[in-house]
Amino acid sequence: MNGRILDSAAVAAVVVTFFAVAIFHSGVANLLVAWFGAVALGYYNVYVRHDRKLVDDTGGTGRPVNHAATLRPAWR
């Protein structure tokens, strides 16, 4: 599966959940959905899109990591 389609589906799922909760349960529930959505998308970006072994291998050099080089093949 193309990585960009997976990216779009993940963001769309968070947005749809956010608006569904906003319609029926506004307030703190909406804040929780937004927070958990941001955490889930951050986890997705770090552990699904990028190869952690490549990030760790380049992280010890003291130079900034080229995140385009650490993407998994589906996102290149």
PDB file of N, CA and C in Angstrom:
ATOM      1  N   MET A   1       0.845  -1.176   0.000  1.00  0.00           N
ATOM      2  CA  MET A   1       0.000   0.000   0.000  1.00  0.00           C
ATOM      3  C   MET A   1       0.889   1.237   0.000  1.00  0.00           C
ATOM      4  N   ASN A   2       0.486   2.208  -0.758  1.00  0.00           N
ATOM      5  CA  ASN A   2       1.221   3.457  -0.830  1.00  0.00           C
ATOM      6  C   ASN A   2       1.164   4.160   0.523  1.00  0.00           C
ATOM      7  N   GLY A   3       2.295   4.650   0.983  1.00  0.00           N
ATOM      8  CA  GLY A   3       2.362   5.292   2.287  1.00  0.00           C
ATOM      9  C   GLY A   3       1.534   6.554   2.384  1.00  0.00           C
ATOM     10  N   ARG A   4       1.421   7.288   1.293  1.00  0.00           N
ATOM     11  CA  ARG A   4       0.643   8.535   1.331  1.00  0.00           C
ATOM     12  C   ARG A   4      -0.839   8.254   1.531  1.00  0.00           C
ATOM     13  N   ILE A   5      -1.318   7.153   0.992  1.00  0.00           N
ATOM     14  CA  ILE A   5      -2.718   6.772   1.215  1.00  0.00           C
ATOM     15  C   ILE A   5      -2.914   6.422   2.685  1.00  0.00           C
ATOM     16  N   LEU A   6      -1.961   5.720   3.263  1.00  0.00           N
ATOM     17  CA  LEU A   6      -2.028   5.378   4.679  1.00  0.00           C
ATOM     18  C   LEU A   6      -1.970   6.632   5.550  1.00  0.00           C
ATOM     19  N   ASP A   7      -1.137   7.605   5.169  1.00  0.00           N
ATOM     20  CA  ASP A   7      -1.083   8.883   5.886  1.00  0.00           C
ATOM     21  C   ASP A   7      -2.437   9.576   5.856  1.00  0.00           C
ATOM     22  N   SER A   8      -3.023   9.648   4.673  1.00  0.00           N
ATOM     23  CA  SER A   8      -4.322  10.310   4.521  1.00  0.00           C
ATOM     24  C   SER A   8      -5.404   9.605   5.328  1.00  0.00           C
ATOM     25  N   ALA A   9      -5.388   8.287   5.327  1.00  0.00           N
ATOM     26  CA  ALA A   9      -6.388   7.527   6.080  1.00  0.00           C
ATOM     27  C   ALA A   9      -6.233   7.753   7.583  1.00  0.00           C
ATOM     28  N   ALA A  10      -5.008   7.817   8.074  1.00  0.00           N
ATOM     29  CA  ALA A  10      -4.781   8.036   9.505  1.00  0.00           C
ATOM     30  C   ALA A  10      -5.260   9.419   9.936  1.00  0.00           C
ATOM     31  N   VAL A  11      -4.926  10.433   9.160  1.00  0.00           N
ATOM     32  CA  VAL A  11      -5.371  11.794   9.487  1.00  0.00           C
ATOM     33  C   VAL A  11      -6.886  11.897   9.368  1.00  0.00           C
ATOM     34  N   ALA A  12      -7.460  11.302   8.341  1.00  0.00           N
ATOM     35  CA  ALA A  12      -8.919  11.342   8.167  1.00  0.00           C
ATOM     36  C   ALA A  12      -9.632  10.658   9.326  1.00  0.00           C
ATOM     37  N   ALA A  13      -9.089   9.563   9.819  1.00  0.00           N
ATOM     38  CA  ALA A  13      -9.711   8.866  10.951  1.00  0.00           C
ATOM     39  C   ALA A  13      -9.723   9.747  12.196  1.00  0.00           C
ATOM     40  N   VAL A  14      -8.632  10.457  12.442  1.00  0.00           N
ATOM     41  CA  VAL A  14      -8.584  11.357  13.601  1.00  0.00           C
ATOM     42  C   VAL A  14      -9.564  12.510  13.425  1.00  0.00           C
ATOM     43  N   VAL A  15      -9.626  13.083  12.231  1.00  0.00           N
ATOM     44  CA  VAL A  15     -10.529  14.213  11.975  1.00  0.00           C
ATOM     45  C   VAL A  15     -11.985  13.788  12.111  1.00  0.00           C
ATOM     46  N   VAL A  16     -12.347  12.659  11.538  1.00  0.00           N
ATOM     47  CA  VAL A  16     -13.731  12.176  11.625  1.00  0.00           C
ATOM     48  C   VAL A  16     -14.107  11.893  13.075  1.00  0.00           C
ATOM     49  N   THR A  17     -13.217  11.257  13.815  1.00  0.00           N
ATOM     50  CA  THR A  17     -13.487  10.983  15.230  1.00  0.00           C
ATOM     51  C   THR A  17     -13.636  12.281  16.013  1.00  0.00           C
ATOM     52  N   PHE A  18     -12.778  13.247  15.735  1.00  0.00           N
ATOM     53  CA  PHE A  18     -12.845  14.536  16.422  1.00  0.00           C
ATOM     54  C   PHE A  18     -14.191  15.215  16.180  1.00  0.00           C
ATOM     55  N   PHE A  19     -14.627  15.272  14.923  1.00  0.00           N
ATOM     56  CA  PHE A  19     -15.898  15.930  14.617  1.00  0.00           C
ATOM     57  C   PHE A  19     -17.094  15.140  15.139  1.00  0.00           C
ATOM     58  N   ALA A  20     -17.021  13.823  15.116  1.00  0.00           N
ATOM     59  CA  ALA A  20     -18.121  13.022  15.661  1.00  0.00           C
ATOM     60  C   ALA A  20     -18.271  13.271  17.159  1.00  0.00           C
ATOM     61  N   VAL A  21     -17.164  13.338  17.862  1.00  0.00           N
ATOM     62  CA  VAL A  21     -17.220  13.624  19.296  1.00  0.00           C
ATOM     63  C   VAL A  21     -17.671  15.065  19.529  1.00  0.00           C
ATOM     64  N   ALA A  22     -17.239  15.988  18.680  1.00  0.00           N
ATOM     65  CA  ALA A  22     -17.638  17.390  18.834  1.00  0.00           C
ATOM     66  C   ALA A  22     -19.142  17.565  18.672  1.00  0.00           C
ATOM     67  N   ILE A  23     -19.745  16.779  17.817  1.00  0.00           N
ATOM     68  CA  ILE A  23     -21.184  16.895  17.588  1.00  0.00           C
ATOM     69  C   ILE A  23     -21.964  16.351  18.777  1.00  0.00           C
ATOM     70  N   PHE A  24     -21.547  15.217  19.319  1.00  0.00           N
ATOM     71  CA  PHE A  24     -22.341  14.543  20.341  1.00  0.00           C
ATOM     72  C   PHE A  24     -21.868  14.793  21.773  1.00  0.00           C
ATOM     73  N   HIS A  25     -20.569  14.963  21.990  1.00  0.00           N
ATOM     74  CA  HIS A  25     -20.040  15.129  23.349  1.00  0.00           C
ATOM     75  C   HIS A  25     -18.988  16.231  23.344  1.00  0.00           C
ATOM     76  N   SER A  26     -19.415  17.451  23.350  1.00  0.00           N
ATOM     77  CA  SER A  26     -18.436  18.541  23.321  1.00  0.00           C
ATOM     78  C   SER A  26     -17.799  18.713  24.698  1.00  0.00           C
ATOM     79  N   GLY A  27     -16.734  19.467  24.741  1.00  0.00           N
ATOM     80  CA  GLY A  27     -16.070  19.753  26.014  1.00  0.00           C
ATOM     81  C   GLY A  27     -14.811  18.935  26.205  1.00  0.00           C
ATOM     82  N   VAL A  28     -14.696  18.328  27.377  1.00  0.00           N
ATOM     83  CA  VAL A  28     -13.482  17.597  27.743  1.00  0.00           C
ATOM     84  C   VAL A  28     -13.256  16.399  26.827  1.00  0.00           C
ATOM     85  N   ALA A  29     -14.326  15.747  26.396  1.00  0.00           N
ATOM     86  CA  ALA A  29     -14.174  14.592  25.498  1.00  0.00           C
ATOM     87  C   ALA A  29     -13.493  15.005  24.202  1.00  0.00           C
ATOM     88  N   ASN A  30     -13.830  16.180  23.700  1.00  0.00           N
ATOM     89  CA  ASN A  30     -13.203  16.672  22.478  1.00  0.00           C
ATOM     90  C   ASN A  30     -11.716  16.940  22.697  1.00  0.00           C
ATOM     91  N   LEU A  31     -11.397  17.488  23.849  1.00  0.00           N
ATOM     92  CA  LEU A  31      -9.995  17.728  24.186  1.00  0.00           C
ATOM     93  C   LEU A  31      -9.220  16.412  24.252  1.00  0.00           C
ATOM     94  N   LEU A  32      -9.826  15.395  24.844  1.00  0.00           N
ATOM     95  CA  LEU A  32      -9.169  14.086  24.938  1.00  0.00           C
ATOM     96  C   LEU A  32      -8.959  13.457  23.568  1.00  0.00           C
ATOM     97  N   VAL A  33      -9.957  13.556  22.701  1.00  0.00           N
ATOM     98  CA  VAL A  33      -9.811  13.009  21.346  1.00  0.00           C
ATOM     99  C   VAL A  33      -8.702  13.740  20.606  1.00  0.00           C
ATOM    100  N   ALA A  34      -8.642  15.060  20.734  1.00  0.00           N
ATOM    101  CA  ALA A  34      -7.588  15.827  20.066  1.00  0.00           C
ATOM    102  C   ALA A  34      -6.212  15.433  20.594  1.00  0.00           C
ATOM    103  N   TRP A  35      -6.095  15.286  21.921  1.00  0.00           N
ATOM    104  CA  TRP A  35      -4.810  14.937  22.513  1.00  0.00           C
ATOM    105  C   TRP A  35      -4.380  13.529  22.109  1.00  0.00           C
ATOM    106  N   PHE A  36      -5.284  12.552  22.238  1.00  0.00           N
ATOM    107  CA  PHE A  36      -4.939  11.180  21.852  1.00  0.00           C
ATOM    108  C   PHE A  36      -4.692  11.072  20.349  1.00  0.00           C
ATOM    109  N   GLY A  37      -5.401  11.857  19.552  1.00  0.00           N
ATOM    110  CA  GLY A  37      -5.157  11.865  18.108  1.00  0.00           C
ATOM    111  C   GLY A  37      -3.770  12.381  17.781  1.00  0.00           C
ATOM    112  N   ALA A  38      -3.361  13.456  18.456  1.00  0.00           N
ATOM    113  CA  ALA A  38      -2.020  14.001  18.232  1.00  0.00           C
ATOM    114  C   ALA A  38      -0.948  13.008  18.665  1.00  0.00           C
ATOM    115  N   VAL A  39      -1.164  12.350  19.794  1.00  0.00           N
ATOM    116  CA  VAL A  39      -0.203  11.345  20.270  1.00  0.00           C
ATOM    117  C   VAL A  39      -0.139  10.167  19.299  1.00  0.00           C
ATOM    118  N   ALA A  40      -1.297   9.711  18.834  1.00  0.00           N
ATOM    119  CA  ALA A  40      -1.337   8.573  17.905  1.00  0.00           C
ATOM    120  C   ALA A  40      -0.660   8.914  16.584  1.00  0.00           C
ATOM    121  N   LEU A  41      -0.900  10.123  16.061  1.00  0.00           N
ATOM    122  CA  LEU A  41      -0.255  10.509  14.803  1.00  0.00           C
ATOM    123  C   LEU A  41       1.252  10.690  14.989  1.00  0.00           C
ATOM    124  N   GLY A  42       1.675  11.166  16.148  1.00  0.00           N
ATOM    125  CA  GLY A  42       3.106  11.270  16.430  1.00  0.00           C
ATOM    126  C   GLY A  42       3.760   9.898  16.500  1.00  0.00           C
ATOM    127  N   TYR A  43       3.100   8.955  17.174  1.00  0.00           N
ATOM    128  CA  TYR A  43       3.588   7.574  17.243  1.00  0.00           C
ATOM    129  C   TYR A  43       3.672   6.982  15.837  1.00  0.00           C
ATOM    130  N   TYR A  44       2.626   7.205  15.050  1.00  0.00           N
ATOM    131  CA  TYR A  44       2.574   6.704  13.680  1.00  0.00           C
ATOM    132  C   TYR A  44       3.745   7.257  12.872  1.00  0.00           C
ATOM    133  N   ASN A  45       4.023   8.547  13.012  1.00  0.00           N
ATOM    134  CA  ASN A  45       5.105   9.168  12.261  1.00  0.00           C
ATOM    135  C   ASN A  45       6.457   8.588  12.658  1.00  0.00           C
ATOM    136  N   VAL A  46       6.685   8.413  13.953  1.00  0.00           N
ATOM    137  CA  VAL A  46       7.995   7.969  14.427  1.00  0.00           C
ATOM    138  C   VAL A  46       8.230   6.485  14.187  1.00  0.00           C
ATOM    139  N   TYR A  47       7.233   5.657  14.470  1.00  0.00           N
ATOM    140  CA  TYR A  47       7.460   4.210  14.460  1.00  0.00           C
ATOM    141  C   TYR A  47       6.962   3.491  13.216  1.00  0.00           C
ATOM    142  N   VAL A  48       6.070   4.104  12.445  1.00  0.00           N
ATOM    143  CA  VAL A  48       5.559   3.433  11.249  1.00  0.00           C
ATOM    144  C   VAL A  48       6.209   3.995   9.993  1.00  0.00           C
ATOM    145  N   ARG A  49       6.265   5.313   9.861  1.00  0.00           N
ATOM    146  CA  ARG A  49       6.807   5.917   8.648  1.00  0.00           C
ATOM    147  C   ARG A  49       8.323   5.830   8.569  1.00  0.00           C
ATOM    148  N   HIS A  50       9.003   5.968   9.706  1.00  0.00           N
ATOM    149  CA  HIS A  50      10.463   6.008   9.713  1.00  0.00           C
ATOM    150  C   HIS A  50      11.039   4.705  10.251  1.00  0.00           C
ATOM    151  N   ASP A  51      12.170   4.321   9.703  1.00  0.00           N
ATOM    152  CA  ASP A  51      12.883   3.129  10.160  1.00  0.00           C
ATOM    153  C   ASP A  51      13.750   3.528  11.355  1.00  0.00           C
ATOM    154  N   ARG A  52      13.394   3.062  12.543  1.00  0.00           N
ATOM    155  CA  ARG A  52      14.091   3.469  13.764  1.00  0.00           C
ATOM    156  C   ARG A  52      15.565   3.070  13.739  1.00  0.00           C
ATOM    157  N   LYS A  53      15.896   1.970  13.088  1.00  0.00           N
ATOM    158  CA  LYS A  53      17.300   1.549  13.030  1.00  0.00           C
ATOM    159  C   LYS A  53      18.128   2.578  12.264  1.00  0.00           C
ATOM    160  N   LEU A  54      17.602   3.089  11.156  1.00  0.00           N
ATOM    161  CA  LEU A  54      18.327   4.109  10.396  1.00  0.00           C
ATOM    162  C   LEU A  54      18.453   5.409  11.185  1.00  0.00           C
ATOM    163  N   VAL A  55      17.403   5.781  11.903  1.00  0.00           N
ATOM    164  CA  VAL A  55      17.461   7.001  12.718  1.00  0.00           C
ATOM    165  C   VAL A  55      18.511   6.850  13.811  1.00  0.00           C
ATOM    166  N   ASP A  56      18.515   5.715  14.495  1.00  0.00           N
ATOM    167  CA  ASP A  56      19.483   5.488  15.574  1.00  0.00           C
ATOM    168  C   ASP A  56      20.909   5.419  15.048  1.00  0.00           C
ATOM    169  N   ASP A  57      21.098   4.848  13.857  1.00  0.00           N
ATOM    170  CA  ASP A  57      22.440   4.744  13.281  1.00  0.00           C
ATOM    171  C   ASP A  57      23.012   6.113  12.929  1.00  0.00           C
ATOM    172  N   THR A  58      22.169   7.047  12.507  1.00  0.00           N
ATOM    173  CA  THR A  58      22.658   8.374  12.127  1.00  0.00           C
ATOM    174  C   THR A  58      22.605   9.362  13.279  1.00  0.00           C
ATOM    175  N   GLY A  59      21.937   9.016  14.369  1.00  0.00           N
ATOM    176  CA  GLY A  59      21.776   9.949  15.479  1.00  0.00           C
ATOM    177  C   GLY A  59      23.026  10.182  16.294  1.00  0.00           C
ATOM    178  N   GLY A  60      23.951   9.250  16.295  1.00  0.00           N
ATOM    179  CA  GLY A  60      25.140   9.387  17.115  1.00  0.00           C
ATOM    180  C   GLY A  60      26.242  10.207  16.484  1.00  0.00           C
ATOM    181  N   THR A  61      26.036  10.717  15.286  1.00  0.00           N
ATOM    182  CA  THR A  61      27.089  11.451  14.594  1.00  0.00           C
ATOM    183  C   THR A  61      27.191  12.895  15.036  1.00  0.00           C
ATOM    184  N   GLY A  62      26.206  13.417  15.750  1.00  0.00           N
ATOM    185  CA  GLY A  62      26.227  14.810  16.165  1.00  0.00           C
ATOM    186  C   GLY A  62      25.678  15.752  15.112  1.00  0.00           C
ATOM    187  N   ARG A  63      25.381  15.231  13.948  1.00  0.00           N
ATOM    188  CA  ARG A  63      24.790  16.048  12.884  1.00  0.00           C
ATOM    189  C   ARG A  63      23.286  15.865  12.894  1.00  0.00           C
ATOM    190  N   PRO A  64      22.557  16.825  12.343  1.00  0.00           N
ATOM    191  CA  PRO A  64      21.101  16.653  12.243  1.00  0.00           C
ATOM    192  C   PRO A  64      20.758  15.447  11.370  1.00  0.00           C
ATOM    193  N   VAL A  65      19.686  14.760  11.724  1.00  0.00           N
ATOM    194  CA  VAL A  65      19.255  13.578  10.977  1.00  0.00           C
ATOM    195  C   VAL A  65      18.472  14.017   9.752  1.00  0.00           C
ATOM    196  N   ASN A  66      18.811  13.457   8.597  1.00  0.00           N
ATOM    197  CA  ASN A  66      18.045  13.696   7.373  1.00  0.00           C
ATOM    198  C   ASN A  66      16.852  12.750   7.396  1.00  0.00           C
ATOM    199  N   HIS A  67      15.697  13.263   7.788  1.00  0.00           N
ATOM    200  CA  HIS A  67      14.535  12.398   7.962  1.00  0.00           C
ATOM    201  C   HIS A  67      14.005  11.853   6.636  1.00  0.00           C
ATOM    202  N   ALA A  68      14.310  12.496   5.537  1.00  0.00           N
ATOM    203  CA  ALA A  68      13.905  11.960   4.239  1.00  0.00           C
ATOM    204  C   ALA A  68      14.642  10.653   3.947  1.00  0.00           C
ATOM    205  N   ALA A  69      15.848  10.508   4.480  1.00  0.00           N
ATOM    206  CA  ALA A  69      16.638   9.295   4.245  1.00  0.00           C
ATOM    207  C   ALA A  69      16.215   8.149   5.156  1.00  0.00           C
ATOM    208  N   THR A  70      15.453   8.438   6.215  1.00  0.00           N
ATOM    209  CA  THR A  70      15.059   7.386   7.151  1.00  0.00           C
ATOM    210  C   THR A  70      13.644   6.882   6.906  1.00  0.00           C
ATOM    211  N   LEU A  71      12.974   7.403   5.876  1.00  0.00           N
ATOM    212  CA  LEU A  71      11.623   6.933   5.569  1.00  0.00           C
ATOM    213  C   LEU A  71      11.657   5.500   5.071  1.00  0.00           C
ATOM    214  N   ARG A  72      10.648   4.743   5.412  1.00  0.00           N
ATOM    215  CA  ARG A  72      10.524   3.380   4.888  1.00  0.00           C
ATOM    216  C   ARG A  72      10.203   3.457   3.390  1.00  0.00           C
ATOM    217  N   PRO A  73      10.453   2.391   2.634  1.00  0.00           N
ATOM    218  CA  PRO A  73      10.288   2.432   1.172  1.00  0.00           C
ATOM    219  C   PRO A  73       8.906   2.875   0.687  1.00  0.00           C
ATOM    220  N   ALA A  74       7.849   2.555   1.403  1.00  0.00           N
ATOM    221  CA  ALA A  74       6.509   2.932   0.930  1.00  0.00           C
ATOM    222  C   ALA A  74       6.297   4.440   0.917  1.00  0.00           C
ATOM    223  N   TRP A  75       7.098   5.194   1.671  1.00  0.00           N
ATOM    224  CA  TRP A  75       6.923   6.643   1.749  1.00  0.00           C
ATOM    225  C   TRP A  75       7.962   7.406   0.943  1.00  0.00           C
ATOM    226  N   ARG A  76       8.860   6.716   0.281  1.00  0.00           N
ATOM    227  CA  ARG A  76       9.897   7.404  -0.507  1.00  0.00           C
ATOM    228  C   ARG A  76       9.368   7.826  -1.841  1.00  0.00           C
TER     229      ARG A  76
END
